[in-house]
All heavy atoms as atom14 arrays in JSON, in Angstrom:
{
  "sequence": "ILAGEVFHYEAHIKYFDTEIRPRLDAHRKFYGPVRLER",
  "atom14_mask": [
    [1, 1, 1, 1, 1, 1, 1, 1, 0, 0, 0, 0, 0, 0],
    [1, 1, 1, 1, 1, 1, 1, 1, 0, 0, 0, 0, 0, 0],
    [1, 1, 1, 1, 1, 0, 0, 0, 0, 0, 0, 0, 0, 0],
    [1, 1, 1, 1, 0, 0, 0, 0, 0, 0, 0, 0, 0, 0],
    [1, 1, 1, 1, 1, 1, 1, 1, 1, 0, 0, 0, 0, 0],
    [1, 1, 1, 1, 1, 1, 1, 0, 0, 0, 0, 0, 0, 0],
    [1, 1, 1, 1, 1, 1, 1, 1, 1, 1, 1, 0, 0, 0],
    [1, 1, 1, 1, 1, 1, 1, 1, 1, 1, 0, 0, 0, 0],
    [1, 1, 1, 1, 1, 1, 1, 1, 1, 1, 1, 1, 0, 0],
    [1, 1, 1, 1, 1, 1, 1, 1, 1, 0, 0, 0, 0, 0],
    [1, 1, 1, 1, 1, 0, 0, 0, 0, 0, 0, 0, 0, 0],
    [1, 1, 1, 1, 1, 1, 1, 1, 1, 1, 0, 0, 0, 0],
    [1, 1, 1, 1, 1, 1, 1, 1, 0, 0, 0, 0, 0, 0],
    [1, 1, 1, 1, 1, 1, 1, 1, 1, 0, 0, 0, 0, 0],
    [1, 1, 1, 1, 1, 1, 1, 1, 1, 1, 1, 1, 0, 0],
    [1, 1, 1, 1, 1, 1, 1, 1, 1, 1, 1, 0, 0, 0],
    [1, 1, 1, 1, 1, 1, 1, 1, 0, 0, 0, 0, 0, 0],
    [1, 1, 1, 1, 1, 1, 1, 0, 0, 0, 0, 0, 0, 0],
    [1, 1, 1, 1, 1, 1, 1, 1, 1, 0, 0, 0, 0, 0],
    [1, 1, 1, 1, 1, 1, 1, 1, 0, 0, 0, 0, 0, 0],
    [1, 1, 1, 1, 1, 1, 1, 1, 1, 1, 1, 0, 0, 0],
    [1, 1, 1, 1, 1, 1, 1, 0, 0, 0, 0, 0, 0, 0],
    [1, 1, 1, 1, 1, 1, 1, 1, 1, 1, 1, 0, 0, 0],
    [1, 1, 1, 1, 1, 1, 1, 1, 0, 0, 0, 0, 0, 0],
    [1, 1, 1, 1, 1, 1, 1, 1, 0, 0, 0, 0, 0, 0],
    [1, 1, 1, 1, 1, 0, 0, 0, 0, 0, 0, 0, 0, 0],
    [1, 1, 1, 1, 1, 1, 1, 1, 1, 1, 0, 0, 0, 0],
    [1, 1, 1, 1, 1, 1, 1, 1, 1, 1, 1, 0, 0, 0],
    [1, 1, 1, 1, 1, 1, 1, 1, 1, 0, 0, 0, 0, 0],
    [1, 1, 1, 1, 1, 1, 1, 1, 1, 1, 1, 0, 0, 0],
    [1, 1, 1, 1, 1, 1, 1, 1, 1, 1, 1, 1, 0, 0],
    [1, 1, 1, 1, 0, 0, 0, 0, 0, 0, 0, 0, 0, 0],
    [1, 1, 1, 1, 1, 1, 1, 0, 0, 0, 0, 0, 0, 0],
    [1, 1, 1, 1, 1, 1, 1, 0, 0, 0, 0, 0, 0, 0],
    [1, 1, 1, 1, 1, 1, 1, 1, 1, 1, 1, 0, 0, 0],
    [1, 1, 1, 1, 1, 1, 1, 1, 0, 0, 0, 0, 0, 0],
    [1, 1, 1, 1, 1, 1, 1, 1, 1, 0, 0, 0, 0, 0],
    [1, 1, 1, 1, 1, 1, 1, 1, 1, 1, 1, 0, 0, 0]
  ],
  "atom14_positions": [
    [[92.57, 114.52, 94.52], [93.44, 115.7, 94.81], [93.44, 116.05, 96.28], [92.41, 116.17, 96.89], [92.94, 116.85, 93.92], [93.21, 116.65, 92.4], [93.86, 118.15, 94.36], [92.55, 117.64, 91.55], [0.0, 0.0, 0.0], [0.0, 0.0, 0.0], [0.0, 0.0, 0.0], [0.0, 0.0, 0.0], [0.0, 0.0, 0.0], [0.0, 0.0, 0.0]],
    [[94.66, 116.15, 96.8], [94.78, 116.69, 98.18], [95.51, 118.02, 98.11], [96.57, 118.21, 97.39], [95.74, 115.67, 99.03], [96.15, 116.11, 100.32], [95.08, 116.37, 101.26], [97.19, 115.17, 100.94], [0.0, 0.0, 0.0], [0.0, 0.0, 0.0], [0.0, 0.0, 0.0], [0.0, 0.0, 0.0], [0.0, 0.0, 0.0], [0.0, 0.0, 0.0]],
    [[94.92, 118.99, 98.65], [95.41, 120.39, 98.68], [95.47, 120.92, 100.06], [94.57, 120.61, 100.89], [94.6, 121.27, 97.82], [0.0, 0.0, 0.0], [0.0, 0.0, 0.0], [0.0, 0.0, 0.0], [0.0, 0.0, 0.0], [0.0, 0.0, 0.0], [0.0, 0.0, 0.0], [0.0, 0.0, 0.0], [0.0, 0.0, 0.0], [0.0, 0.0, 0.0]],
    [[96.52, 121.64, 100.42], [96.69, 122.24, 101.75], [98.12, 122.56, 102.02], [99.03, 122.26, 101.28], [0.0, 0.0, 0.0], [0.0, 0.0, 0.0], [0.0, 0.0, 0.0], [0.0, 0.0, 0.0], [0.0, 0.0, 0.0], [0.0, 0.0, 0.0], [0.0, 0.0, 0.0], [0.0, 0.0, 0.0], [0.0, 0.0, 0.0], [0.0, 0.0, 0.0]],
    [[98.27, 123.2, 103.16], [99.64, 123.63, 103.52], [100.21, 122.7, 104.61], [99.57, 122.32, 105.57], [99.53, 125.07, 103.97], [100.97, 125.73, 104.22], [100.89, 127.22, 104.3], [99.85, 127.73, 104.03], [101.98, 127.77, 104.57], [0.0, 0.0, 0.0], [0.0, 0.0, 0.0], [0.0, 0.0, 0.0], [0.0, 0.0, 0.0], [0.0, 0.0, 0.0]],
    [[101.53, 122.45, 104.44], [102.36, 121.83, 105.47], [103.07, 122.91, 106.22], [104.06, 123.45, 105.73], [103.37, 120.81, 104.85], [104.03, 120.01, 105.97], [102.61, 119.82, 103.87], [0.0, 0.0, 0.0], [0.0, 0.0, 0.0], [0.0, 0.0, 0.0], [0.0, 0.0, 0.0], [0.0, 0.0, 0.0], [0.0, 0.0, 0.0], [0.0, 0.0, 0.0]],
    [[102.56, 123.25, 107.4], [103.22, 124.28, 108.17], [104.59, 123.79, 108.71], [104.75, 122.58, 108.79], [102.23, 124.74, 109.3], [101.1, 125.58, 108.78], [99.87, 125.01, 108.66], [101.32, 126.89, 108.54], [98.8, 125.81, 108.16], [100.29, 127.71, 108.01], [99.03, 127.14, 107.87], [0.0, 0.0, 0.0], [0.0, 0.0, 0.0], [0.0, 0.0, 0.0]],
    [[105.36, 124.76, 109.08], [106.73, 124.38, 109.47], [106.88, 123.97, 110.81], [107.84, 124.33, 111.57], [107.6, 125.55, 109.21], [107.84, 125.91, 107.76], [108.47, 127.03, 107.31], [107.38, 125.26, 106.6], [108.47, 127.12, 106.04], [107.84, 126.05, 105.55], [0.0, 0.0, 0.0], [0.0, 0.0, 0.0], [0.0, 0.0, 0.0], [0.0, 0.0, 0.0]],
    [[106.03, 123.0, 111.22], [106.19, 122.28, 112.55], [106.84, 120.95, 112.23], [106.49, 120.26, 111.29], [104.82, 122.08, 113.23], [104.15, 123.38, 113.64], [103.06, 123.88, 112.97], [104.66, 124.02, 114.77], [102.43, 125.04, 113.33], [104.02, 125.27, 115.19], [102.93, 125.7, 114.41], [102.32, 126.85, 114.9], [0.0, 0.0, 0.0], [0.0, 0.0, 0.0]],
    [[107.76, 120.53, 112.99], [108.47, 119.29, 112.69], [107.48, 118.1, 112.67], [107.66, 117.23, 111.79], [109.53, 118.95, 113.88], [110.69, 119.95, 113.91], [111.73, 119.61, 114.98], [111.49, 118.57, 115.62], [112.6, 120.4, 115.17], [0.0, 0.0, 0.0], [0.0, 0.0, 0.0], [0.0, 0.0, 0.0], [0.0, 0.0, 0.0], [0.0, 0.0, 0.0]],
    [[106.43, 118.0, 113.53], [105.5, 116.94, 113.49], [104.76, 116.92, 112.14], [104.37, 115.86, 111.61], [104.53, 116.96, 114.68], [0.0, 0.0, 0.0], [0.0, 0.0, 0.0], [0.0, 0.0, 0.0], [0.0, 0.0, 0.0], [0.0, 0.0, 0.0], [0.0, 0.0, 0.0], [0.0, 0.0, 0.0], [0.0, 0.0, 0.0], [0.0, 0.0, 0.0]],
    [[104.42, 118.08, 111.64], [103.65, 118.16, 110.36], [104.53, 117.71, 109.19], [104.0, 117.03, 108.36], [103.14, 119.65, 110.18], [102.16, 120.09, 111.17], [101.41, 121.32, 111.09], [101.8, 119.53, 112.41], [100.71, 121.4, 112.22], [100.9, 120.37, 112.9], [0.0, 0.0, 0.0], [0.0, 0.0, 0.0], [0.0, 0.0, 0.0], [0.0, 0.0, 0.0]],
    [[105.77, 118.21, 109.2], [106.64, 117.87, 108.09], [106.86, 116.25, 108.11], [106.82, 115.58, 107.04], [107.96, 118.6, 108.24], [107.75, 120.1, 108.09], [109.01, 118.08, 107.24], [108.91, 120.89, 108.43], [0.0, 0.0, 0.0], [0.0, 0.0, 0.0], [0.0, 0.0, 0.0], [0.0, 0.0, 0.0], [0.0, 0.0, 0.0], [0.0, 0.0, 0.0]],
    [[107.12, 115.73, 109.26], [107.32, 114.27, 109.42], [106.02, 113.54, 108.97], [106.19, 112.52, 108.23], [107.61, 113.96, 110.83], [107.87, 112.43, 111.08], [108.18, 112.15, 112.55], [108.39, 110.59, 112.67], [108.77, 110.3, 114.14], [0.0, 0.0, 0.0], [0.0, 0.0, 0.0], [0.0, 0.0, 0.0], [0.0, 0.0, 0.0], [0.0, 0.0, 0.0]],
    [[104.84, 114.02, 109.32], [103.6, 113.4, 108.94], [103.47, 113.37, 107.44], [103.11, 112.29, 106.88], [102.41, 114.09, 109.52], [101.12, 113.7, 109.03], [100.52, 112.45, 109.4], [100.28, 114.46, 108.21], [99.31, 112.0, 108.9], [99.1, 114.03, 107.74], [98.56, 112.84, 108.09], [97.37, 112.46, 107.62], [0.0, 0.0, 0.0], [0.0, 0.0, 0.0]],
    [[103.73, 114.44, 106.76], [103.68, 114.46, 105.28], [104.65, 113.54, 104.66], [104.27, 112.75, 103.76], [103.93, 115.9, 104.7], [103.82, 115.99, 103.2], [102.61, 116.08, 102.67], [104.96, 115.96, 102.49], [102.56, 116.1, 101.22], [104.96, 116.0, 101.11], [103.72, 116.05, 100.5], [0.0, 0.0, 0.0], [0.0, 0.0, 0.0], [0.0, 0.0, 0.0]],
    [[105.89, 113.5, 105.14], [106.84, 112.66, 104.56], [106.66, 111.15, 104.8], [107.04, 110.31, 103.92], [108.27, 113.04, 105.12], [108.75, 114.4, 104.61], [108.24, 114.82, 103.5], [109.55, 114.97, 105.24], [0.0, 0.0, 0.0], [0.0, 0.0, 0.0], [0.0, 0.0, 0.0], [0.0, 0.0, 0.0], [0.0, 0.0, 0.0], [0.0, 0.0, 0.0]],
    [[106.05, 110.87, 105.92], [105.92, 109.4, 106.24], [104.51, 108.81, 105.85], [104.35, 107.65, 105.59], [106.19, 109.17, 107.77], [105.29, 109.86, 108.52], [107.64, 109.51, 108.06], [0.0, 0.0, 0.0], [0.0, 0.0, 0.0], [0.0, 0.0, 0.0], [0.0, 0.0, 0.0], [0.0, 0.0, 0.0], [0.0, 0.0, 0.0], [0.0, 0.0, 0.0]],
    [[103.45, 109.69, 106.04], [102.16, 109.13, 105.75], [101.43, 109.6, 104.56], [100.62, 108.85, 103.98], [101.22, 109.59, 107.01], [101.64, 109.07, 108.35], [101.5, 107.59, 108.49], [100.76, 106.94, 107.68], [102.07, 106.97, 109.47], [0.0, 0.0, 0.0], [0.0, 0.0, 0.0], [0.0, 0.0, 0.0], [0.0, 0.0, 0.0], [0.0, 0.0, 0.0]],
    [[101.79, 110.72, 104.04], [101.1, 111.21, 102.78], [101.88, 110.91, 101.57], [101.46, 110.31, 100.72], [100.84, 112.78, 102.9], [100.0, 113.19, 104.16], [100.3, 113.33, 101.58], [98.63, 112.69, 103.94], [0.0, 0.0, 0.0], [0.0, 0.0, 0.0], [0.0, 0.0, 0.0], [0.0, 0.0, 0.0], [0.0, 0.0, 0.0], [0.0, 0.0, 0.0]],
    [[103.13, 111.41, 101.56], [103.99, 111.21, 100.36], [104.06, 109.78, 99.75], [103.85, 109.53, 98.63], [105.34, 111.74, 100.64], [106.21, 111.95, 99.28], [107.68, 112.25, 99.55], [107.82, 113.42, 100.36], [107.83, 114.68, 99.91], [107.68, 114.82, 98.65], [108.03, 115.71, 100.71], [0.0, 0.0, 0.0], [0.0, 0.0, 0.0], [0.0, 0.0, 0.0]],
    [[104.25, 108.72, 100.64], [104.27, 107.36, 100.11], [102.98, 106.9, 99.49], [102.97, 105.89, 98.74], [104.63, 106.55, 101.41], [105.23, 107.53, 102.29], [104.49, 108.78, 102.09], [0.0, 0.0, 0.0], [0.0, 0.0, 0.0], [0.0, 0.0, 0.0], [0.0, 0.0, 0.0], [0.0, 0.0, 0.0], [0.0, 0.0, 0.0], [0.0, 0.0, 0.0]],
    [[101.82, 107.55, 99.84], [100.56, 107.06, 99.31], [100.2, 107.77, 97.97], [99.18, 107.44, 97.33], [99.45, 107.28, 100.3], [99.53, 106.38, 101.54], [98.37, 106.69, 102.54], [98.18, 105.64, 103.45], [98.84, 105.55, 104.6], [99.66, 106.49, 104.96], [98.61, 104.5, 105.43], [0.0, 0.0, 0.0], [0.0, 0.0, 0.0], [0.0, 0.0, 0.0]],
    [[100.94, 108.83, 97.58], [100.62, 109.54, 96.33], [101.05, 108.67, 95.11], [102.07, 107.93, 95.22], [101.31, 110.87, 96.35], [100.99, 111.83, 97.5], [101.8, 113.07, 97.49], [99.44, 112.17, 97.5], [0.0, 0.0, 0.0], [0.0, 0.0, 0.0], [0.0, 0.0, 0.0], [0.0, 0.0, 0.0], [0.0, 0.0, 0.0], [0.0, 0.0, 0.0]],
    [[100.28, 108.87, 94.04], [100.74, 108.23, 92.78], [100.15, 109.04, 91.63], [99.8, 110.15, 91.84], [100.18, 106.76, 92.71], [98.63, 106.69, 92.95], [97.94, 107.66, 92.6], [98.2, 105.63, 93.51], [0.0, 0.0, 0.0], [0.0, 0.0, 0.0], [0.0, 0.0, 0.0], [0.0, 0.0, 0.0], [0.0, 0.0, 0.0], [0.0, 0.0, 0.0]],
    [[100.14, 108.44, 90.55], [99.71, 109.19, 89.27], [98.27, 109.59, 89.38], [97.9, 110.59, 88.66], [99.98, 108.3, 87.99], [0.0, 0.0, 0.0], [0.0, 0.0, 0.0], [0.0, 0.0, 0.0], [0.0, 0.0, 0.0], [0.0, 0.0, 0.0], [0.0, 0.0, 0.0], [0.0, 0.0, 0.0], [0.0, 0.0, 0.0], [0.0, 0.0, 0.0]],
    [[97.4, 109.01, 90.11], [96.02, 109.31, 90.23], [95.64, 109.95, 91.62], [94.5, 110.38, 91.75], [95.15, 108.03, 90.04], [95.4, 107.4, 88.7], [95.06, 107.98, 87.47], [96.05, 106.27, 88.45], [95.38, 107.18, 86.55], [96.05, 106.12, 87.03], [0.0, 0.0, 0.0], [0.0, 0.0, 0.0], [0.0, 0.0, 0.0], [0.0, 0.0, 0.0]],
    [[96.49, 109.94, 92.6], [96.29, 110.66, 93.82], [97.36, 111.61, 93.99], [98.57, 111.31, 94.29], [96.33, 109.66, 94.9], [94.96, 109.01, 95.34], [94.23, 108.2, 94.37], [94.95, 107.08, 93.85], [94.53, 106.21, 93.05], [93.29, 106.3, 92.62], [95.29, 105.2, 92.6], [0.0, 0.0, 0.0], [0.0, 0.0, 0.0], [0.0, 0.0, 0.0]],
    [[97.06, 112.93, 93.83], [98.11, 113.94, 93.64], [97.96, 115.04, 94.78], [96.88, 115.35, 95.25], [97.96, 114.73, 92.29], [98.23, 113.73, 91.17], [97.98, 114.35, 89.85], [98.23, 113.47, 88.66], [98.13, 114.12, 87.32], [0.0, 0.0, 0.0], [0.0, 0.0, 0.0], [0.0, 0.0, 0.0], [0.0, 0.0, 0.0], [0.0, 0.0, 0.0]],
    [[99.12, 115.66, 95.15], [99.18, 116.69, 96.05], [99.48, 117.98, 95.37], [100.42, 118.18, 94.7], [100.23, 116.45, 97.12], [100.44, 117.48, 98.15], [99.41, 117.79, 99.03], [101.64, 118.14, 98.32], [99.58, 118.82, 99.94], [101.81, 119.16, 99.2], [100.8, 119.49, 100.12], [0.0, 0.0, 0.0], [0.0, 0.0, 0.0], [0.0, 0.0, 0.0]],
    [[98.58, 118.98, 95.66], [98.65, 120.3, 95.0], [99.34, 121.28, 95.85], [99.64, 122.45, 95.39], [97.29, 120.78, 94.57], [96.7, 120.23, 93.31], [97.28, 119.08, 92.72], [95.73, 120.85, 92.67], [96.83, 118.57, 91.49], [95.29, 120.33, 91.39], [95.77, 119.22, 90.88], [95.34, 118.75, 89.69], [0.0, 0.0, 0.0], [0.0, 0.0, 0.0]],
    [[99.52, 121.13, 97.23], [100.05, 122.15, 98.03], [98.92, 123.15, 98.43], [97.75, 122.9, 98.16], [0.0, 0.0, 0.0], [0.0, 0.0, 0.0], [0.0, 0.0, 0.0], [0.0, 0.0, 0.0], [0.0, 0.0, 0.0], [0.0, 0.0, 0.0], [0.0, 0.0, 0.0], [0.0, 0.0, 0.0], [0.0, 0.0, 0.0], [0.0, 0.0, 0.0]],
    [[99.32, 124.33, 99.01], [98.33, 125.37, 99.36], [97.7, 125.92, 98.11], [98.34, 126.08, 97.03], [99.17, 126.32, 100.12], [100.55, 126.16, 99.64], [100.68, 124.71, 99.34], [0.0, 0.0, 0.0], [0.0, 0.0, 0.0], [0.0, 0.0, 0.0], [0.0, 0.0, 0.0], [0.0, 0.0, 0.0], [0.0, 0.0, 0.0], [0.0, 0.0, 0.0]],
    [[96.38, 126.25, 98.23], [95.69, 126.85, 97.1], [94.95, 128.22, 97.56], [94.52, 128.17, 98.68], [94.61, 125.86, 96.5], [95.34, 124.68, 95.79], [93.72, 125.37, 97.53], [0.0, 0.0, 0.0], [0.0, 0.0, 0.0], [0.0, 0.0, 0.0], [0.0, 0.0, 0.0], [0.0, 0.0, 0.0], [0.0, 0.0, 0.0], [0.0, 0.0, 0.0]],
    [[94.99, 129.14, 96.75], [94.34, 130.32, 96.98], [92.83, 130.26, 96.72], [92.34, 129.19, 96.17], [94.9, 131.53, 96.18], [96.37, 131.81, 96.51], [96.99, 132.78, 95.58], [96.41, 134.13, 95.76], [96.82, 134.95, 96.68], [97.85, 134.66, 97.43], [96.32, 136.19, 96.76], [0.0, 0.0, 0.0], [0.0, 0.0, 0.0], [0.0, 0.0, 0.0]],
    [[92.06, 131.29, 97.13], [90.57, 131.08, 97.08], [90.02, 130.79, 95.69], [89.16, 129.85, 95.61], [89.89, 132.44, 97.56], [88.43, 132.52, 97.5], [87.81, 131.42, 98.47], [87.86, 133.83, 97.94], [0.0, 0.0, 0.0], [0.0, 0.0, 0.0], [0.0, 0.0, 0.0], [0.0, 0.0, 0.0], [0.0, 0.0, 0.0], [0.0, 0.0, 0.0]],
    [[90.52, 131.45, 94.65], [89.93, 131.13, 93.35], [90.14, 129.66, 92.92], [89.22, 129.01, 92.48], [90.62, 132.08, 92.25], [90.03, 131.94, 90.9], [90.65, 132.91, 89.87], [91.36, 133.87, 90.35], [90.43, 132.69, 88.72], [0.0, 0.0, 0.0], [0.0, 0.0, 0.0], [0.0, 0.0, 0.0], [0.0, 0.0, 0.0], [0.0, 0.0, 0.0]],
    [[91.32, 129.19, 93.08], [91.63, 127.72, 92.76], [90.9, 126.81, 93.73], [90.39, 125.74, 93.23], [93.11, 127.47, 92.78], [93.47, 126.1, 92.1], [95.0, 125.87, 92.16], [95.34, 124.84, 91.23], [96.5, 124.25, 91.24], [97.5, 124.63, 92.08], [96.79, 123.24, 90.43], [0.0, 0.0, 0.0], [0.0, 0.0, 0.0], [0.0, 0.0, 0.0]]
  ]
}
């Protein structure tokens, strides 16, 4: 599980789209930002 926030910087958005998203699959998932309890 990968969790965290993609801040609205162009370089960060591009990094997620080109390096993270293509590597995700049914067993490697992205949860986005999580609050303290989660």
